[in-house]
Amino acid sequence: MSSFTEQAWQAVAPIVTAIEEHPFVTGVGDGSLPSQTFAHYMTQDAVYLHHYSRMLSLAASQATDARHILFWTQSSARANSVELKLHEGFLGDNAAAAKRAEPSPTCAAYTAHQAMQGSTGTYVSLTASLLPCFWIYEHIGAHLLTTADLEQNPYGAWISSYSDPSFAASSAGARAVVDEAAAVAGEADRAAAMAAFVTSARYEWMFWDAAWRREVWPV
């Protein structure tokens, strides 16, 4: 019988393909993405990561297994250090202010979805909602690395960050933790966790699409 995460990845296969083919992602891969569009994305990503690191800490607080607590705690610290350094590299002096920028409609919706899992869902639903940010970024990093010229690509550092073996290890760790949580959850809770995972995967596509459109609030 396949694991929870194996079933989850099959469920989002069309979404992952759509992400691979999105013009934002292909533009990062070949370096043709306008710098203003990437800056918009990085600003919103800084806003998102500020929230995401708190959700990772919340997952640690809800975990009962010491290994899970350690994993989510370390992941939260990494989101606040390693990944935010990446933002500093692209945004420069604007990096600190980026965390305080107004979230776009898509960013606000995505973070609200994860917060809802943390407040009204179960531990396995919360962790499942957090997993696509690990797994899809790992996948896209590896996908782009196959064709990108990192030395010539202005976004080479971004591709390198998410195709790095250490990030792949973190993603594998997240999958293992979610599988362990799903294995001891009831059928209804596993179904809710699967729905949370799929919704987060959809938001991953929407997040890059929002950046491509440089989404702002219409009114």
Protein backbone atom coordinates (compact mmCIF):
# COMPACT_ATOMS: atom_id res chain seq x y z
CA MET A 1 0.00 0.00 0.00
CA SER A 2 1.35 3.42 -0.95
CA SER A 3 2.12 5.97 1.73
CA PHE A 4 0.11 9.11 2.41
CA THR A 5 2.67 11.32 0.68
CA GLU A 6 2.88 9.01 -2.34
CA GLN A 7 -0.89 9.26 -2.73
CA ALA A 8 -0.73 13.02 -2.17
CA TRP A 9 1.89 13.53 -4.89
CA GLN A 10 -0.22 11.56 -7.35
CA ALA A 11 -3.21 13.74 -6.45
CA VAL A 12 -1.36 16.95 -7.29
CA ALA A 13 0.48 15.71 -10.39
CA PRO A 14 -1.56 17.93 -12.76
CA ILE A 15 -0.91 20.93 -10.51
CA VAL A 16 2.83 20.25 -10.47
CA THR A 17 2.85 20.01 -14.27
CA ALA A 18 1.00 23.33 -14.49
CA ILE A 19 3.62 24.90 -12.21
CA GLU A 20 6.47 23.56 -14.35
CA GLU A 21 4.83 25.12 -17.42
CA HIS A 22 3.90 28.45 -15.84
CA PRO A 23 5.61 31.42 -17.53
CA PHE A 24 6.91 32.70 -14.21
CA VAL A 25 8.71 29.43 -13.55
CA THR A 26 9.98 29.01 -17.11
CA GLY A 27 11.13 32.64 -17.02
CA VAL A 28 13.15 31.95 -13.89
CA GLY A 29 14.59 28.87 -15.54
CA ASP A 30 15.86 30.64 -18.65
CA GLY A 31 16.57 33.95 -16.93
CA SER A 32 14.10 35.92 -19.06
CA LEU A 33 11.72 36.85 -16.22
CA PRO A 34 11.57 40.66 -15.78
CA SER A 35 13.46 41.73 -12.68
CA GLN A 36 10.49 43.79 -11.44
CA THR A 37 8.30 40.70 -11.57
CA PHE A 38 10.83 38.69 -9.60
CA ALA A 39 11.15 41.50 -7.05
CA HIS A 40 7.37 41.47 -6.61
CA TYR A 41 7.53 37.73 -6.02
CA MET A 42 10.40 37.98 -3.55
CA THR A 43 8.61 40.67 -1.57
CA GLN A 44 5.49 38.54 -1.27
CA ASP A 45 7.61 35.50 -0.49
CA ALA A 46 9.20 37.38 2.40
CA VAL A 47 5.71 38.16 3.72
CA TYR A 48 4.72 34.53 3.29
CA LEU A 49 7.84 33.16 4.99
CA HIS A 50 7.26 35.40 8.00
CA HIS A 51 3.92 33.64 8.44
CA TYR A 52 5.22 30.24 7.40
CA SER A 53 7.94 30.20 10.03
CA ARG A 54 5.28 30.79 12.67
CA MET A 55 3.18 27.91 11.31
CA LEU A 56 6.26 25.67 11.46
CA SER A 57 6.66 26.64 15.12
CA LEU A 58 2.96 25.93 15.65
CA ALA A 59 3.45 22.47 14.18
CA ALA A 60 6.28 21.93 16.68
CA SER A 61 3.98 22.97 19.52
CA GLN A 62 1.30 20.51 18.40
CA ALA A 63 3.67 17.58 17.88
CA THR A 64 4.03 14.94 20.58
CA ASP A 65 6.98 13.05 19.09
CA ALA A 66 10.31 14.59 20.10
CA ARG A 67 11.73 14.02 16.62
CA HIS A 68 8.84 15.92 15.07
CA ILE A 69 9.24 18.78 17.53
CA LEU A 70 12.92 19.06 16.65
CA PHE A 71 12.27 18.91 12.92
CA TRP A 72 9.64 21.66 12.87
CA THR A 73 11.62 23.85 15.26
CA GLN A 74 14.74 23.59 13.10
CA SER A 75 12.69 24.21 9.96
CA SER A 76 11.24 27.38 11.46
CA ALA A 77 14.72 28.63 12.31
CA ARG A 78 15.90 27.81 8.79
CA ALA A 79 13.02 29.75 7.23
CA ASN A 80 14.05 32.76 9.30
CA SER A 81 17.72 32.53 8.40
CA VAL A 82 18.78 30.66 5.27
CA GLU A 83 15.82 31.52 3.07
CA LEU A 84 15.56 35.12 4.23
CA LYS A 85 19.24 35.58 3.37
CA LEU A 86 18.25 34.67 -0.16
CA HIS A 87 15.77 37.54 -0.10
CA GLU A 88 18.46 39.90 1.10
CA GLY A 89 20.61 38.87 -1.84
CA PHE A 90 17.93 39.86 -4.34
CA LEU A 91 16.18 42.70 -2.53
CA GLY A 92 19.18 44.32 -0.87
CA ASP A 93 18.26 47.16 1.46
CA ASN A 94 14.56 46.53 0.78
CA ALA A 95 14.64 43.03 2.30
CA ALA A 96 13.77 44.12 5.84
CA ALA A 97 10.86 46.24 4.66
CA ALA A 98 9.60 43.40 2.46
CA LYS A 99 8.52 41.38 5.50
CA ARG A 100 6.21 44.27 6.46
CA ALA A 101 4.70 44.69 2.99
CA GLU A 102 0.98 44.21 2.53
CA PRO A 103 0.21 40.62 1.54
CA SER A 104 -1.33 40.20 -1.89
CA PRO A 105 -4.81 38.61 -2.08
CA THR A 106 -3.25 35.25 -2.94
CA CYS A 107 -0.63 35.47 -0.20
CA ALA A 108 -3.31 36.43 2.34
CA ALA A 109 -5.51 33.52 1.26
CA TYR A 110 -2.68 30.99 1.35
CA THR A 111 -1.52 31.99 4.80
CA ALA A 112 -5.13 32.01 6.06
CA HIS A 113 -5.56 28.46 4.76
CA GLN A 114 -2.55 27.26 6.74
CA ALA A 115 -3.59 29.21 9.84
CA MET A 116 -7.03 27.60 9.67
CA GLN A 117 -5.44 24.14 9.67
CA GLY A 118 -3.43 25.16 12.71
CA SER A 119 -6.41 26.55 14.63
CA THR A 120 -9.34 24.32 13.67
CA GLY A 121 -7.72 21.27 12.07
CA THR A 122 -5.52 18.50 13.37
CA TYR A 123 -1.77 18.13 13.61
CA VAL A 124 -1.69 16.00 10.47
CA SER A 125 -3.78 18.54 8.54
CA LEU A 126 -1.50 21.38 9.58
CA THR A 127 1.64 19.50 8.61
CA ALA A 128 0.11 18.38 5.32
CA SER A 129 -0.74 22.00 4.50
CA LEU A 130 2.89 22.97 5.15
CA LEU A 131 4.42 20.19 3.06
CA PRO A 132 3.93 21.58 -0.48
CA CYS A 133 6.16 24.55 0.31
CA PHE A 134 8.97 22.06 0.95
CA TRP A 135 8.21 19.50 -1.71
CA ILE A 136 7.12 21.60 -4.68
CA TYR A 137 10.03 24.00 -4.25
CA GLU A 138 12.41 21.06 -4.08
CA HIS A 139 10.86 19.62 -7.23
CA ILE A 140 10.96 22.90 -9.15
CA GLY A 141 14.53 23.58 -8.07
CA ALA A 142 15.63 20.17 -9.37
CA HIS A 143 13.52 20.59 -12.51
CA LEU A 144 15.07 23.95 -13.39
CA LEU A 145 18.58 22.79 -12.56
CA THR A 146 18.48 20.32 -15.46
CA THR A 147 18.51 23.12 -18.05
CA ALA A 148 19.51 26.36 -16.31
CA ASP A 149 22.91 27.98 -16.75
CA LEU A 150 23.43 29.05 -13.16
CA GLU A 151 26.41 31.29 -13.89
CA GLN A 152 24.62 33.28 -16.55
CA ASN A 153 21.11 33.17 -15.12
CA PRO A 154 20.26 36.20 -12.93
CA TYR A 155 18.15 33.88 -10.79
CA GLY A 156 20.84 31.22 -10.49
CA ALA A 157 21.13 31.71 -6.72
CA TRP A 158 17.41 31.04 -6.31
CA ILE A 159 17.60 27.85 -8.38
CA SER A 160 20.71 26.74 -6.50
CA SER A 161 19.04 27.28 -3.14
CA TYR A 162 16.07 25.05 -3.89
CA SER A 163 18.05 22.41 -5.79
CA ASP A 164 20.61 22.11 -3.00
CA PRO A 165 20.93 18.63 -1.43
CA SER A 166 20.39 20.11 2.04
CA PHE A 167 17.00 21.46 0.99
CA ALA A 168 16.13 18.10 -0.58
CA ALA A 169 16.99 16.48 2.76
CA SER A 170 14.67 18.89 4.58
CA SER A 171 11.90 18.10 2.12
CA ALA A 172 12.42 14.37 2.62
CA GLY A 173 12.31 14.94 6.37
CA ALA A 174 9.00 16.78 6.07
CA ARG A 175 7.53 13.95 4.03
CA ALA A 176 8.63 11.40 6.61
CA VAL A 177 7.08 13.38 9.45
CA VAL A 178 3.78 13.81 7.60
CA ASP A 179 3.69 10.11 6.73
CA GLU A 180 4.23 9.21 10.38
CA ALA A 181 1.47 11.58 11.46
CA ALA A 182 -0.91 10.23 8.81
CA ALA A 183 -0.17 6.63 9.74
CA VAL A 184 -1.64 7.06 13.23
CA ALA A 185 -4.50 9.37 12.21
CA GLY A 186 -8.06 8.22 11.63
CA GLU A 187 -9.58 7.93 8.18
CA ALA A 188 -11.47 11.23 8.43
CA ASP A 189 -8.38 13.09 9.60
CA ARG A 190 -6.29 11.62 6.78
CA ALA A 191 -8.92 12.70 4.26
CA ALA A 192 -8.89 16.23 5.69
CA ALA A 193 -5.09 16.25 5.57
CA MET A 194 -5.15 15.20 1.92
CA ALA A 195 -7.55 18.04 1.11
CA ALA A 196 -5.29 20.47 2.97
CA PHE A 197 -2.27 19.26 1.00
CA VAL A 198 -4.03 19.61 -2.36
CA THR A 199 -5.29 23.08 -1.49
CA SER A 200 -1.78 24.21 -0.55
CA ALA A 201 -0.45 22.83 -3.82
CA ARG A 202 -3.05 24.88 -5.67
CA TYR A 203 -1.95 27.94 -3.74
CA GLU A 204 1.64 27.28 -4.78
CA TRP A 205 0.58 27.62 -8.43
CA MET A 206 -1.52 30.67 -7.56
CA PHE A 207 1.38 32.29 -5.70
CA TRP A 208 3.62 32.20 -8.76
CA ASP A 209 0.73 33.27 -10.98
CA ALA A 210 0.03 36.21 -8.68
CA ALA A 211 3.67 37.24 -8.95
CA TRP A 212 3.53 36.91 -12.74
CA ARG A 213 0.53 39.28 -12.77
CA ARG A 214 2.10 41.45 -10.03
CA GLU A 215 -1.15 41.04 -8.18
CA VAL A 216 -2.40 43.82 -5.93
CA TRP A 217 -5.72 44.41 -4.22
CA PRO A 218 -8.26 45.68 -6.80
CA VAL A 219 -9.88 48.17 -4.43
